[in-house]
Amino acid sequence: MQYKKGDRVKHPKKPDWGIGQVLADSTGGTIRIFFTHAGEKTMSLDFVQPEKLSGDAASSPILDQLNLTAQTTRDAKGKVLCTNCGAPTQFGETANPKRYQLGWCEPCFKHSQRTFKDETTGETRYIDEFRTIDGIKSRYGPH
C-alpha cells in the first residue's frame, strides 16, 4: 500500500499511539508518521501496514496544528538531508552539534574544516559555514 504525505493513519497494533499523520510519501519500504501520543516514528512497511483513516475517524486538532514545514528533510532511511547539496548527512546530534545544526554532509565540509574568529561578532566559526549553493566563497568579509 502506498502512503502520501498528509494521510491520516493509525497503527493496527498500537491504538494507544493515537492518530498519525504521514510526514513524507512512503519510499523504499519505509514510512515516517507523527502520532499524537507517541511522536515521530519511522516504520518498515514489510512489518506493519498502518490503517488509513478518513472522515470523522481522521479528525485530530493536534495534527491539524502540526507544522510540517518545520520538519527536517530526511531520506528513506531517516537520515537528515544536507541543506547545501541534498545528500544524506553523516553527522549525528552527539558527533558535532554545530555541524548537525547546520545540516551539511561530509563532502560539503571537506573543503576546509578550520575555524576562524569572526572579527565583527567575535564568534568562532567554521569556514565551511560560508559555503553556498553557487560554490565556496574565497574571501570572507562583511558582505
N, C-alpha and C. Protein backbone atom coordinates (compact mmCIF):
# COMPACT_ATOMS: atom_id res chain seq x y z
N MET A 1 0.85 -1.18 0.00
CA MET A 1 0.00 0.00 0.00
C MET A 1 0.89 1.24 0.00
N GLN A 2 0.53 2.24 -0.77
CA GLN A 2 1.27 3.49 -0.83
C GLN A 2 0.63 4.52 0.09
N TYR A 3 1.47 5.30 0.73
CA TYR A 3 1.01 6.36 1.63
C TYR A 3 1.56 7.68 1.12
N LYS A 4 0.75 8.70 1.16
CA LYS A 4 1.13 10.04 0.71
C LYS A 4 1.26 10.96 1.91
N LYS A 5 2.10 11.98 1.77
CA LYS A 5 2.27 12.98 2.82
C LYS A 5 0.92 13.60 3.16
N GLY A 6 0.60 13.63 4.45
CA GLY A 6 -0.66 14.20 4.89
C GLY A 6 -1.75 13.18 5.18
N ASP A 7 -1.56 11.92 4.73
CA ASP A 7 -2.55 10.87 5.02
C ASP A 7 -2.66 10.68 6.53
N ARG A 8 -3.87 10.44 7.01
CA ARG A 8 -4.09 10.15 8.42
C ARG A 8 -4.21 8.63 8.57
N VAL A 9 -3.50 8.10 9.56
CA VAL A 9 -3.45 6.65 9.76
C VAL A 9 -3.49 6.32 11.24
N LYS A 10 -3.62 5.04 11.53
CA LYS A 10 -3.44 4.55 12.90
C LYS A 10 -2.68 3.23 12.83
N HIS A 11 -1.90 2.97 13.87
CA HIS A 11 -1.12 1.74 13.93
C HIS A 11 -2.06 0.60 14.31
N PRO A 12 -2.05 -0.50 13.55
CA PRO A 12 -3.00 -1.58 13.83
C PRO A 12 -2.79 -2.28 15.17
N LYS A 13 -1.55 -2.27 15.70
CA LYS A 13 -1.27 -2.98 16.95
C LYS A 13 -0.99 -2.04 18.12
N LYS A 14 -0.96 -0.74 17.86
CA LYS A 14 -0.67 0.24 18.91
C LYS A 14 -1.74 1.33 18.94
N PRO A 15 -2.97 0.99 19.32
CA PRO A 15 -4.03 2.00 19.34
C PRO A 15 -3.75 3.14 20.33
N ASP A 16 -2.92 2.86 21.36
CA ASP A 16 -2.60 3.90 22.34
C ASP A 16 -1.70 5.00 21.77
N TRP A 17 -1.13 4.81 20.57
CA TRP A 17 -0.33 5.85 19.92
C TRP A 17 -1.22 6.95 19.36
N GLY A 18 -2.50 6.68 19.20
CA GLY A 18 -3.43 7.68 18.67
C GLY A 18 -3.37 7.76 17.15
N ILE A 19 -3.94 8.82 16.62
CA ILE A 19 -3.98 9.04 15.17
C ILE A 19 -2.61 9.55 14.73
N GLY A 20 -2.20 9.12 13.54
CA GLY A 20 -0.92 9.57 13.00
C GLY A 20 -1.10 10.27 11.67
N GLN A 21 -0.14 11.11 11.33
CA GLN A 21 -0.13 11.78 10.04
C GLN A 21 1.18 11.45 9.34
N VAL A 22 1.08 11.02 8.08
CA VAL A 22 2.25 10.67 7.29
C VAL A 22 3.03 11.95 6.99
N LEU A 23 4.34 11.94 7.31
CA LEU A 23 5.18 13.12 7.14
C LEU A 23 5.82 13.21 5.76
N ALA A 24 5.97 12.06 5.09
CA ALA A 24 6.57 12.04 3.75
C ALA A 24 6.03 10.83 3.00
N ASP A 25 5.96 10.93 1.68
CA ASP A 25 5.50 9.81 0.87
C ASP A 25 6.32 8.57 1.20
N SER A 26 5.66 7.41 1.25
CA SER A 26 6.37 6.17 1.56
C SER A 26 7.29 5.81 0.41
N THR A 27 8.57 5.60 0.73
CA THR A 27 9.56 5.22 -0.27
C THR A 27 10.49 4.18 0.32
N GLY A 28 10.98 3.29 -0.53
CA GLY A 28 11.96 2.31 -0.08
C GLY A 28 11.46 1.38 1.00
N GLY A 29 10.15 1.18 1.09
CA GLY A 29 9.60 0.27 2.08
C GLY A 29 9.52 0.83 3.48
N THR A 30 9.74 2.14 3.65
CA THR A 30 9.62 2.75 4.97
C THR A 30 8.65 3.92 4.92
N ILE A 31 8.18 4.29 6.09
CA ILE A 31 7.24 5.40 6.19
C ILE A 31 7.52 6.16 7.49
N ARG A 32 7.41 7.48 7.45
CA ARG A 32 7.56 8.34 8.62
C ARG A 32 6.19 8.88 9.00
N ILE A 33 5.82 8.67 10.25
CA ILE A 33 4.50 9.08 10.74
C ILE A 33 4.67 9.81 12.07
N PHE A 34 3.90 10.89 12.24
CA PHE A 34 3.84 11.57 13.53
C PHE A 34 2.54 11.15 14.20
N PHE A 35 2.64 10.47 15.36
CA PHE A 35 1.47 10.03 16.12
C PHE A 35 1.19 11.02 17.25
N THR A 36 -0.10 11.24 17.53
CA THR A 36 -0.48 12.24 18.53
C THR A 36 0.04 11.90 19.93
N HIS A 37 0.14 10.61 20.27
CA HIS A 37 0.56 10.24 21.63
C HIS A 37 1.91 9.54 21.68
N ALA A 38 2.60 9.43 20.54
CA ALA A 38 3.89 8.73 20.53
C ALA A 38 4.98 9.50 19.80
N GLY A 39 4.63 10.60 19.14
CA GLY A 39 5.62 11.38 18.41
C GLY A 39 5.94 10.78 17.05
N GLU A 40 7.12 11.14 16.53
CA GLU A 40 7.51 10.69 15.19
C GLU A 40 8.08 9.28 15.23
N LYS A 41 7.63 8.46 14.29
CA LYS A 41 8.10 7.08 14.17
C LYS A 41 8.43 6.80 12.71
N THR A 42 9.48 6.02 12.48
CA THR A 42 9.81 5.52 11.15
C THR A 42 9.58 4.02 11.19
N MET A 43 8.76 3.51 10.27
CA MET A 43 8.39 2.10 10.30
C MET A 43 8.66 1.44 8.95
N SER A 44 8.95 0.15 9.01
CA SER A 44 9.13 -0.64 7.80
C SER A 44 7.77 -1.18 7.38
N LEU A 45 7.42 -0.95 6.12
CA LEU A 45 6.14 -1.43 5.62
C LEU A 45 6.14 -2.94 5.41
N ASP A 46 7.31 -3.58 5.54
CA ASP A 46 7.38 -5.04 5.46
C ASP A 46 6.78 -5.67 6.71
N PHE A 47 6.78 -4.93 7.83
CA PHE A 47 6.32 -5.49 9.09
C PHE A 47 4.97 -4.94 9.56
N VAL A 48 4.62 -3.75 9.14
CA VAL A 48 3.35 -3.17 9.58
C VAL A 48 2.74 -2.33 8.45
N GLN A 49 1.44 -2.42 8.31
CA GLN A 49 0.69 -1.64 7.33
C GLN A 49 -0.29 -0.76 8.10
N PRO A 50 0.05 0.51 8.34
CA PRO A 50 -0.88 1.39 9.07
C PRO A 50 -2.22 1.48 8.34
N GLU A 51 -3.27 1.58 9.11
CA GLU A 51 -4.62 1.67 8.54
C GLU A 51 -4.93 3.12 8.20
N LYS A 52 -5.34 3.36 6.95
CA LYS A 52 -5.71 4.72 6.54
C LYS A 52 -7.05 5.09 7.16
N LEU A 53 -7.16 6.34 7.58
CA LEU A 53 -8.39 6.85 8.18
C LEU A 53 -8.98 7.94 7.30
N SER A 54 -10.29 8.10 7.41
CA SER A 54 -10.95 9.18 6.68
C SER A 54 -12.17 9.64 7.47
N GLY A 55 -12.69 10.79 7.11
CA GLY A 55 -13.89 11.33 7.77
C GLY A 55 -13.64 11.71 9.21
N ASP A 56 -14.63 11.42 10.07
CA ASP A 56 -14.53 11.77 11.49
C ASP A 56 -13.41 11.01 12.20
N ALA A 57 -13.13 9.79 11.75
CA ALA A 57 -12.08 8.99 12.38
C ALA A 57 -10.71 9.63 12.20
N ALA A 58 -10.54 10.44 11.16
CA ALA A 58 -9.25 11.07 10.87
C ALA A 58 -9.10 12.45 11.48
N SER A 59 -10.13 12.96 12.15
CA SER A 59 -10.04 14.31 12.70
C SER A 59 -9.18 14.32 13.97
N SER A 60 -8.29 15.30 14.03
CA SER A 60 -7.42 15.45 15.19
C SER A 60 -6.96 16.90 15.28
N PRO A 61 -7.37 17.62 16.33
CA PRO A 61 -6.92 19.00 16.49
C PRO A 61 -5.40 19.11 16.63
N ILE A 62 -4.78 18.10 17.23
CA ILE A 62 -3.32 18.11 17.39
C ILE A 62 -2.64 18.06 16.03
N LEU A 63 -3.07 17.13 15.18
CA LEU A 63 -2.45 17.00 13.86
C LEU A 63 -2.79 18.17 12.95
N ASP A 64 -3.96 18.79 13.18
CA ASP A 64 -4.31 19.96 12.38
C ASP A 64 -3.34 21.11 12.63
N GLN A 65 -2.77 21.17 13.84
CA GLN A 65 -1.82 22.22 14.21
C GLN A 65 -0.38 21.86 13.87
N LEU A 66 -0.15 20.65 13.39
CA LEU A 66 1.21 20.18 13.09
C LEU A 66 1.82 21.01 11.96
N ASN A 67 2.98 21.60 12.23
CA ASN A 67 3.66 22.44 11.24
C ASN A 67 4.67 21.57 10.50
N LEU A 68 4.29 21.09 9.32
CA LEU A 68 5.16 20.20 8.56
C LEU A 68 6.32 20.92 7.92
N THR A 69 6.25 22.21 7.75
CA THR A 69 7.36 22.94 7.13
C THR A 69 8.56 23.02 8.05
N ALA A 70 8.34 22.89 9.35
CA ALA A 70 9.45 22.96 10.29
C ALA A 70 10.18 21.63 10.42
N GLN A 71 9.64 20.57 9.81
CA GLN A 71 10.26 19.26 9.90
C GLN A 71 11.55 19.22 9.10
N THR A 72 12.58 18.56 9.64
CA THR A 72 13.83 18.39 8.94
C THR A 72 13.63 17.41 7.79
N THR A 73 14.21 17.70 6.64
CA THR A 73 14.10 16.81 5.49
C THR A 73 14.93 15.57 5.74
N ARG A 74 14.34 14.40 5.49
CA ARG A 74 15.05 13.13 5.70
C ARG A 74 14.88 12.24 4.48
N ASP A 75 15.82 11.29 4.32
CA ASP A 75 15.71 10.34 3.22
C ASP A 75 14.91 9.12 3.68
N ALA A 76 14.83 8.09 2.84
CA ALA A 76 14.02 6.91 3.15
C ALA A 76 14.51 6.17 4.39
N LYS A 77 15.80 6.28 4.71
CA LYS A 77 16.35 5.60 5.87
C LYS A 77 16.30 6.47 7.12
N GLY A 78 15.75 7.67 7.00
CA GLY A 78 15.61 8.55 8.15
C GLY A 78 16.79 9.47 8.39
N LYS A 79 17.79 9.44 7.50
CA LYS A 79 18.95 10.32 7.66
C LYS A 79 18.58 11.74 7.25
N VAL A 80 19.07 12.71 7.99
CA VAL A 80 18.84 14.11 7.68
C VAL A 80 19.57 14.44 6.38
N LEU A 81 18.89 15.16 5.47
CA LEU A 81 19.50 15.53 4.20
C LEU A 81 20.25 16.84 4.33
N CYS A 82 21.36 16.94 3.62
CA CYS A 82 22.21 18.13 3.62
C CYS A 82 21.42 19.32 3.08
N THR A 83 21.46 20.43 3.80
CA THR A 83 20.76 21.63 3.35
C THR A 83 21.49 22.32 2.21
N ASN A 84 22.74 21.94 1.99
CA ASN A 84 23.53 22.55 0.93
C ASN A 84 23.40 21.80 -0.39
N CYS A 85 23.56 20.46 -0.38
CA CYS A 85 23.57 19.71 -1.64
C CYS A 85 22.47 18.66 -1.73
N GLY A 86 21.78 18.32 -0.63
CA GLY A 86 20.69 17.35 -0.66
C GLY A 86 21.11 15.92 -0.39
N ALA A 87 22.39 15.65 -0.18
CA ALA A 87 22.86 14.30 0.12
C ALA A 87 22.64 13.99 1.61
N PRO A 88 22.55 12.70 1.98
CA PRO A 88 22.39 12.36 3.40
C PRO A 88 23.60 12.81 4.21
N THR A 89 23.36 13.33 5.40
CA THR A 89 24.45 13.76 6.27
C THR A 89 24.97 12.57 7.05
N GLN A 90 26.22 12.67 7.49
CA GLN A 90 26.82 11.61 8.29
C GLN A 90 26.97 12.03 9.74
N PHE A 91 26.63 13.25 10.06
CA PHE A 91 26.80 13.75 11.41
C PHE A 91 25.55 13.50 12.24
N GLY A 92 25.74 13.02 13.46
CA GLY A 92 24.64 12.86 14.39
C GLY A 92 24.64 14.00 15.39
N GLU A 93 23.60 14.07 16.18
CA GLU A 93 23.49 15.15 17.16
C GLU A 93 24.64 15.14 18.16
N THR A 94 25.12 13.94 18.51
CA THR A 94 26.17 13.85 19.52
C THR A 94 27.56 13.99 18.91
N ALA A 95 27.74 13.74 17.61
CA ALA A 95 29.06 13.79 16.99
C ALA A 95 29.60 15.21 16.93
N ASN A 96 28.82 16.13 16.44
CA ASN A 96 29.24 17.52 16.36
C ASN A 96 27.99 18.38 16.27
N PRO A 97 27.50 18.87 17.39
CA PRO A 97 26.23 19.60 17.41
C PRO A 97 26.17 20.78 16.44
N LYS A 98 27.28 21.50 16.28
CA LYS A 98 27.27 22.67 15.40
C LYS A 98 27.05 22.25 13.96
N ARG A 99 27.75 21.24 13.50
CA ARG A 99 27.59 20.78 12.13
C ARG A 99 26.24 20.11 11.93
N TYR A 100 25.77 19.40 12.94
CA TYR A 100 24.44 18.80 12.85
C TYR A 100 23.39 19.89 12.70
N GLN A 101 23.55 20.97 13.44
CA GLN A 101 22.61 22.10 13.37
C GLN A 101 22.64 22.73 11.98
N LEU A 102 23.82 22.85 11.39
CA LEU A 102 23.93 23.40 10.04
C LEU A 102 23.30 22.46 9.02
N GLY A 103 23.33 21.15 9.29
CA GLY A 103 22.70 20.17 8.42
C GLY A 103 23.45 19.92 7.13
N TRP A 104 24.79 19.88 7.20
CA TRP A 104 25.57 19.65 5.98
C TRP A 104 26.22 18.28 6.01
N CYS A 105 26.48 17.73 4.81
CA CYS A 105 27.10 16.41 4.69
C CYS A 105 28.62 16.52 4.70
N GLU A 106 29.28 15.37 4.78
CA GLU A 106 30.74 15.32 4.84
C GLU A 106 31.42 16.01 3.66
N PRO A 107 31.02 15.74 2.40
CA PRO A 107 31.70 16.41 1.28
C PRO A 107 31.60 17.94 1.34
N CYS A 108 30.51 18.45 1.86
CA CYS A 108 30.36 19.91 1.96
C CYS A 108 31.33 20.50 2.98
N PHE A 109 31.80 19.67 3.93
CA PHE A 109 32.75 20.15 4.92
C PHE A 109 34.19 19.85 4.54
N LYS A 110 34.41 19.01 3.53
CA LYS A 110 35.78 18.62 3.18
C LYS A 110 36.60 19.77 2.62
N HIS A 111 35.96 20.79 2.08
CA HIS A 111 36.71 21.90 1.51
C HIS A 111 37.67 22.49 2.55
N SER A 112 37.17 22.70 3.73
CA SER A 112 38.01 23.24 4.79
C SER A 112 37.31 23.04 6.11
N GLN A 113 38.03 22.48 7.07
CA GLN A 113 37.42 22.25 8.37
C GLN A 113 38.03 23.12 9.45
N ARG A 114 38.78 24.12 9.03
CA ARG A 114 39.40 25.02 10.00
C ARG A 114 38.36 25.98 10.59
N THR A 115 38.69 26.51 11.72
CA THR A 115 37.83 27.54 12.31
C THR A 115 38.56 28.87 12.25
N PHE A 116 37.83 29.93 12.36
CA PHE A 116 38.42 31.26 12.43
C PHE A 116 37.56 32.11 13.34
N LYS A 117 38.15 33.17 13.86
CA LYS A 117 37.41 34.07 14.72
C LYS A 117 36.86 35.21 13.87
N ASP A 118 35.55 35.36 13.89
CA ASP A 118 34.89 36.43 13.14
C ASP A 118 35.20 37.74 13.84
N GLU A 119 35.91 38.62 13.15
CA GLU A 119 36.33 39.90 13.74
C GLU A 119 35.13 40.79 14.08
N THR A 120 34.05 40.68 13.32
CA THR A 120 32.89 41.53 13.53
C THR A 120 32.11 41.13 14.77
N THR A 121 31.83 39.82 14.90
CA THR A 121 30.99 39.35 16.01
C THR A 121 31.78 38.76 17.16
N GLY A 122 33.05 38.38 16.91
CA GLY A 122 33.85 37.76 17.94
C GLY A 122 33.59 36.27 18.10
N GLU A 123 32.72 35.70 17.27
CA GLU A 123 32.40 34.28 17.35
C GLU A 123 33.43 33.44 16.62
N THR A 124 33.65 32.22 17.11
CA THR A 124 34.48 31.27 16.39
C THR A 124 33.58 30.52 15.44
N ARG A 125 33.93 30.50 14.16
CA ARG A 125 33.08 29.87 13.15
C ARG A 125 33.88 28.88 12.33
N TYR A 126 33.15 27.94 11.74
CA TYR A 126 33.76 27.07 10.74
C TYR A 126 33.80 27.84 9.43
N ILE A 127 34.90 27.74 8.71
CA ILE A 127 34.98 28.37 7.40
C ILE A 127 33.90 27.77 6.50
N ASP A 128 33.57 26.50 6.74
CA ASP A 128 32.57 25.80 5.95
C ASP A 128 31.20 26.48 5.98
N GLU A 129 30.92 27.25 7.01
CA GLU A 129 29.62 27.89 7.12
C GLU A 129 29.36 28.85 5.98
N PHE A 130 30.41 29.24 5.29
CA PHE A 130 30.24 30.19 4.22
C PHE A 130 30.11 29.53 2.85
N ARG A 131 30.05 28.20 2.82
CA ARG A 131 29.84 27.51 1.56
C ARG A 131 28.41 27.78 1.10
N THR A 132 28.24 28.03 -0.18
CA THR A 132 26.91 28.32 -0.71
C THR A 132 26.59 27.37 -1.84
N ILE A 133 25.36 27.38 -2.30
CA ILE A 133 24.94 26.55 -3.43
C ILE A 133 25.79 26.86 -4.65
N ASP A 134 26.17 28.12 -4.84
CA ASP A 134 26.94 28.54 -6.02
C ASP A 134 28.43 28.23 -5.88
N GLY A 135 28.88 27.81 -4.75
CA GLY A 135 30.30 27.50 -4.55
C GLY A 135 30.81 28.05 -3.24
N ILE A 136 32.08 27.86 -3.00
CA ILE A 136 32.71 28.32 -1.77
C ILE A 136 33.18 29.76 -1.96
N LYS A 137 32.84 30.60 -1.03
CA LYS A 137 33.35 31.98 -1.08
C LYS A 137 34.84 31.92 -0.75
N SER A 138 35.64 32.58 -1.55
CA SER A 138 37.08 32.53 -1.32
C SER A 138 37.55 33.64 -0.39
N ARG A 139 36.76 34.67 -0.25
CA ARG A 139 37.12 35.77 0.65
C ARG A 139 35.99 35.94 1.66
N TYR A 140 36.38 36.14 2.90
CA TYR A 140 35.39 36.26 3.96
C TYR A 140 35.39 37.68 4.48
N GLY A 141 34.40 38.41 4.08
CA GLY A 141 34.26 39.79 4.51
C GLY A 141 32.87 40.02 5.04
N PRO A 142 32.55 41.23 5.40
CA PRO A 142 31.23 41.51 5.95
C PRO A 142 30.12 41.39 4.92
N HIS A 143 30.42 41.31 3.61
CA HIS A 143 29.39 41.23 2.59
C HIS A 143 29.36 39.90 1.92
